[in-house]
Amino acid sequence: MKWFRKKEEQPIKPSIKEHQSEKLAQIGAQLAALRQEKNLTLDELVVTTRIPRRLLQAIEEGKLTDLPEPIYIQGFIRQFADALGIKGGEFASHFPIGSQSVGFQSTKKGLNIPQLRPIHLYLFYIALIFCSVNGLSQLLNNASLQANNSQIQPNTQAKLTNAETTGNNNSQSVQVGVTLKASSWISVVTDGKTAFEGVLPEGSSRTWKATKQLTVKTNNAGGVLMSVNQQKPKEMGEMGKTQEIKIAAKPNL
């Protein structure tokens, strides 16, 4: 008599999404603890990494659904870790980016399709991360850039509390235009609301206006030319220096 051994039940493996979510929670908690230990704020890391604040916060809190594709997440983790003084590439490698199997084998005899080896995929992903991370910040901010562009209007008047630029027109609003000599991080607040925050590439130009007050801040003052009410543009400050300029609109007399 033959005896048949009952097939052992195999444990159910977690899905890749569940695995990514679990790993992100662990990695985010470690990054948050290290950041707090170094007494750094997320806003300071935005300047260093040029990654939007909401993405850094989502990484710390392990919110996978608030982040882009896994390959971009791995790149953000690398930059985040590098900014905290640890080996970003090694740290980011613990976050899974998905299946590594992309090769196929033909079922017909005589047709052998070569498979990609894991080392090839690894090099491909590393190259893609380096090429994509900087461009992603610009892509994520395209919607806000379109919403914040405004038409140029003459006869406006403004006053710089910084005393570097002064408007001489009569109006209840102020208009500021910036032209980038070099890629720089910029934050613009109009009437108390954040109108734009992100990295603008070299050669780009943007315009904003406000009815009460407009504040422009950058981490590379020498790379930003600023014009108030269509006056001659001036550099905001020295190259590589952080500068903030507040412009208050003066009402009609």
Protein backbone atom coordinates (compact mmCIF):
# COMPACT_ATOMS: atom_id res chain seq x y z
CA MET A 1 0.00 0.00 0.00
CA LYS A 2 1.32 3.38 -0.96
CA TRP A 3 1.10 6.23 1.48
CA PHE A 4 0.59 9.75 0.27
CA ARG A 5 2.10 12.54 2.31
CA LYS A 6 -0.17 15.51 2.81
CA LYS A 7 1.19 18.56 1.05
CA GLU A 8 2.34 21.15 3.54
CA GLU A 9 0.65 24.50 3.29
CA GLN A 10 2.99 27.23 2.22
CA PRO A 11 2.90 30.54 4.16
CA ILE A 12 1.30 33.39 2.26
CA LYS A 13 3.94 35.86 1.20
CA PRO A 14 3.13 39.55 1.61
CA SER A 15 2.58 41.54 -1.56
CA ILE A 16 5.29 43.88 -2.85
CA LYS A 17 3.19 46.87 -1.77
CA GLU A 18 2.90 45.55 1.77
CA HIS A 19 6.64 44.86 1.85
CA GLN A 20 7.43 48.34 0.55
CA SER A 21 5.08 49.95 3.08
CA GLU A 22 6.67 48.01 5.95
CA LYS A 23 10.22 48.89 4.87
CA LEU A 24 9.33 52.55 4.29
CA ALA A 25 7.91 52.79 7.83
CA GLN A 26 11.16 51.39 9.27
CA ILE A 27 13.41 53.58 7.11
CA GLY A 28 11.32 56.72 7.70
CA ALA A 29 11.40 56.24 11.47
CA GLN A 30 15.20 55.89 11.39
CA LEU A 31 15.62 59.03 9.24
CA ALA A 32 13.27 61.04 11.46
CA ALA A 33 15.13 59.99 14.61
CA LEU A 34 18.51 60.85 13.08
CA ARG A 35 17.23 64.24 11.85
CA GLN A 36 15.92 65.11 15.31
CA GLU A 37 19.17 63.95 16.88
CA LYS A 38 21.05 66.41 14.65
CA ASN A 39 18.53 69.20 15.49
CA LEU A 40 17.60 69.71 11.83
CA THR A 41 14.18 70.78 10.55
CA LEU A 42 12.47 69.52 7.41
CA ASP A 43 12.65 73.04 5.96
CA GLU A 44 16.44 72.99 6.33
CA LEU A 45 16.58 69.64 4.53
CA VAL A 46 14.42 71.04 1.70
CA VAL A 47 17.22 73.54 1.00
CA THR A 48 19.90 70.83 1.19
CA THR A 49 18.16 68.07 -0.79
CA ARG A 50 15.90 70.23 -3.02
CA ILE A 51 13.10 67.74 -2.34
CA PRO A 52 9.64 69.24 -1.56
CA ARG A 53 8.80 69.23 2.16
CA ARG A 54 5.64 67.13 1.75
CA LEU A 55 7.68 64.28 0.22
CA LEU A 56 10.28 64.35 3.02
CA GLN A 57 7.47 64.28 5.57
CA ALA A 58 5.75 61.38 3.79
CA ILE A 59 8.99 59.38 3.93
CA GLU A 60 9.39 60.01 7.66
CA GLU A 61 5.78 59.04 8.33
CA GLY A 62 5.94 55.97 6.05
CA LYS A 63 3.05 57.14 3.85
CA LEU A 64 3.65 55.14 0.68
CA THR A 65 0.46 56.38 -1.03
CA ASP A 66 1.66 60.01 -0.81
CA LEU A 67 4.87 59.25 -2.72
CA PRO A 68 5.64 58.64 -6.44
CA GLU A 69 6.95 55.42 -8.03
CA PRO A 70 9.21 53.19 -5.86
CA ILE A 71 12.31 53.91 -7.94
CA TYR A 72 11.90 57.63 -7.18
CA ILE A 73 11.28 56.89 -3.50
CA GLN A 74 14.59 55.04 -3.35
CA GLY A 75 16.33 58.07 -4.86
CA PHE A 76 14.71 60.42 -2.33
CA ILE A 77 15.77 58.15 0.54
CA ARG A 78 19.35 58.24 -0.76
CA GLN A 79 19.39 62.07 -0.86
CA PHE A 80 17.70 62.28 2.54
CA ALA A 81 20.29 59.97 4.12
CA ASP A 82 23.22 61.72 2.42
CA ALA A 83 22.02 65.05 3.85
CA LEU A 84 22.07 63.51 7.34
CA GLY A 85 25.66 62.35 6.93
CA ILE A 86 25.15 58.62 6.36
CA LYS A 87 25.76 56.45 3.28
CA GLY A 88 22.64 57.19 1.26
CA GLY A 89 23.15 54.58 -1.45
CA GLU A 90 23.61 51.74 1.02
CA PHE A 91 20.73 52.96 3.20
CA ALA A 92 18.33 53.34 0.25
CA SER A 93 19.10 49.84 -1.04
CA HIS A 94 17.00 48.40 1.81
CA PHE A 95 13.85 49.82 0.18
CA PRO A 96 12.47 47.31 -2.39
CA ILE A 97 11.58 48.71 -5.80
CA GLY A 98 9.77 45.68 -7.21
CA SER A 99 10.38 42.48 -9.15
CA GLN A 100 13.87 41.99 -10.60
CA SER A 101 12.71 39.43 -13.21
CA VAL A 102 12.46 40.90 -16.69
CA GLY A 103 14.03 38.17 -18.86
CA PHE A 104 11.99 35.72 -20.93
CA GLN A 105 12.78 32.25 -22.33
CA SER A 106 11.31 31.21 -25.65
CA THR A 107 9.28 27.98 -25.65
CA LYS A 108 10.31 27.20 -29.22
CA LYS A 109 13.41 25.18 -29.85
CA GLY A 110 16.27 27.05 -31.42
CA LEU A 111 15.03 30.45 -30.22
CA ASN A 112 17.00 31.38 -27.12
CA ILE A 113 16.33 34.89 -25.90
CA PRO A 114 19.07 36.05 -23.49
CA GLN A 115 17.88 37.11 -20.04
CA LEU A 116 19.03 40.23 -18.27
CA ARG A 117 21.12 39.42 -15.25
CA PRO A 118 20.39 41.05 -11.85
CA ILE A 119 23.62 43.08 -12.03
CA HIS A 120 22.45 44.65 -15.30
CA LEU A 121 19.14 45.62 -13.72
CA TYR A 122 20.88 47.05 -10.68
CA LEU A 123 23.10 49.27 -12.83
CA PHE A 124 20.10 50.32 -14.89
CA TYR A 125 18.13 51.36 -11.79
CA ILE A 126 21.09 53.27 -10.33
CA ALA A 127 21.53 55.22 -13.58
CA LEU A 128 17.82 55.93 -13.78
CA ILE A 129 17.77 57.25 -10.21
CA PHE A 130 20.59 59.71 -10.88
CA CYS A 131 18.95 60.96 -14.08
CA SER A 132 15.44 61.25 -12.66
CA VAL A 133 15.60 62.69 -9.14
CA ASN A 134 16.41 66.31 -10.05
CA GLY A 135 13.88 66.34 -12.88
CA LEU A 136 11.14 64.97 -10.62
CA SER A 137 11.08 68.05 -8.41
CA GLN A 138 10.39 70.22 -11.46
CA LEU A 139 7.69 67.80 -12.67
CA LEU A 140 5.91 67.79 -9.30
CA ASN A 141 5.73 71.59 -9.30
CA ASN A 142 4.47 72.11 -12.88
CA ALA A 143 0.85 72.40 -11.77
CA SER A 144 1.60 75.09 -9.21
CA LEU A 145 3.82 76.95 -11.70
CA GLN A 146 0.94 77.23 -14.18
CA ALA A 147 -1.49 78.37 -11.48
CA ASN A 148 0.84 81.07 -10.19
CA ASN A 149 1.84 82.77 -13.46
CA SER A 150 0.05 86.11 -13.81
CA GLN A 151 -0.19 88.79 -16.48
CA ILE A 152 2.10 91.82 -16.17
CA GLN A 153 0.22 95.00 -15.21
CA PRO A 154 1.78 98.50 -15.36
CA ASN A 155 1.44 101.34 -12.87
CA THR A 156 2.08 99.33 -9.67
CA GLN A 157 3.89 100.49 -6.56
CA ALA A 158 5.84 98.46 -3.99
CA LYS A 159 8.22 98.91 -1.12
CA LEU A 160 11.08 96.54 -0.20
CA THR A 161 11.57 96.16 3.54
CA ASN A 162 14.99 94.86 2.56
CA ALA A 163 15.68 98.35 1.10
CA GLU A 164 17.36 96.81 -1.96
CA THR A 165 14.55 97.51 -4.45
CA THR A 166 11.84 100.19 -4.35
CA GLY A 167 8.73 100.57 -6.57
CA ASN A 168 7.68 104.03 -7.74
CA ASN A 169 4.27 103.45 -9.36
CA ASN A 170 0.85 104.09 -7.81
CA SER A 171 -1.19 100.94 -7.20
CA GLN A 172 -2.64 98.67 -4.54
CA SER A 173 -0.73 95.62 -5.79
CA VAL A 174 2.88 94.58 -6.27
CA GLN A 175 4.35 92.44 -9.03
CA VAL A 176 7.64 90.54 -8.96
CA GLY A 177 9.40 88.70 -11.76
CA VAL A 178 12.42 86.39 -11.40
CA THR A 179 14.88 85.10 -13.99
CA LEU A 180 17.25 82.26 -13.08
CA LYS A 181 20.96 82.69 -13.88
CA ALA A 182 21.56 79.35 -12.18
CA SER A 183 19.32 76.55 -10.93
CA SER A 184 18.05 77.61 -7.48
CA TRP A 185 15.48 76.72 -4.84
CA ILE A 186 12.83 79.46 -4.48
CA SER A 187 9.91 80.05 -2.13
CA VAL A 188 7.26 82.69 -2.92
CA VAL A 189 4.53 83.78 -0.47
CA THR A 190 1.75 86.09 -1.72
CA ASP A 191 -0.58 87.69 0.82
CA GLY A 192 0.29 85.09 3.44
CA LYS A 193 -0.15 82.03 1.17
CA THR A 194 2.59 79.90 -0.36
CA ALA A 195 2.36 80.49 -4.11
CA PHE A 196 5.41 78.45 -5.09
CA GLU A 197 8.12 76.34 -3.46
CA GLY A 198 10.63 74.31 -5.40
CA VAL A 199 13.65 74.32 -7.71
CA LEU A 200 13.62 76.42 -10.89
CA PRO A 201 16.12 75.51 -13.64
CA GLU A 202 18.63 77.90 -15.16
CA GLY A 203 17.12 80.25 -17.75
CA SER A 204 13.52 80.00 -16.51
CA SER A 205 11.38 83.09 -15.74
CA ARG A 206 8.33 83.40 -13.47
CA THR A 207 6.03 86.25 -12.37
CA TRP A 208 3.85 86.64 -9.25
CA LYS A 209 1.75 89.47 -7.81
CA ALA A 210 0.08 90.28 -4.49
CA THR A 211 -2.30 92.93 -3.21
CA LYS A 212 -0.72 93.30 0.25
CA GLN A 213 2.71 91.69 0.57
CA LEU A 214 4.95 89.41 -1.45
CA THR A 215 7.96 87.51 -0.01
CA VAL A 216 10.69 85.88 -2.10
CA LYS A 217 13.28 83.54 -0.53
CA THR A 218 16.12 81.64 -2.21
CA ASN A 219 19.14 79.54 -1.25
CA ASN A 220 21.23 80.98 -4.11
CA ALA A 221 20.75 84.76 -4.11
CA GLY A 222 23.42 85.40 -6.75
CA GLY A 223 21.69 83.06 -9.20
CA VAL A 224 18.33 84.91 -9.12
CA LEU A 225 17.58 88.18 -10.92
CA MET A 226 14.51 89.89 -9.42
CA SER A 227 12.47 92.71 -10.94
CA VAL A 228 9.80 94.69 -9.06
CA ASN A 229 7.02 96.27 -11.11
CA GLN A 230 8.95 95.82 -14.37
CA GLN A 231 11.97 97.76 -13.15
CA LYS A 232 15.52 96.77 -14.08
CA PRO A 233 16.23 93.33 -12.55
CA LYS A 234 18.87 92.99 -9.84
CA GLU A 235 20.59 90.03 -8.22
CA MET A 236 19.00 89.15 -4.90
CA GLY A 237 22.42 88.81 -3.24
CA GLU A 238 25.61 86.75 -3.34
CA MET A 239 26.01 83.44 -5.14
CA GLY A 240 25.29 80.47 -2.86
CA LYS A 241 23.85 82.68 -0.09
CA THR A 242 20.35 82.44 1.38
CA GLN A 243 18.31 85.65 1.01
CA GLU A 244 14.74 86.67 1.81
CA ILE A 245 13.10 89.84 0.49
CA LYS A 246 9.68 91.10 1.57
CA ILE A 247 7.81 93.56 -0.64
CA ALA A 248 4.80 95.43 0.71
CA ALA A 249 2.27 97.04 -1.61
CA LYS A 250 1.46 100.66 -0.85
CA PRO A 251 -2.24 101.64 -1.25
CA ASN A 252 -3.36 104.59 -3.35
CA LEU A 253 -3.18 107.98 -1.61
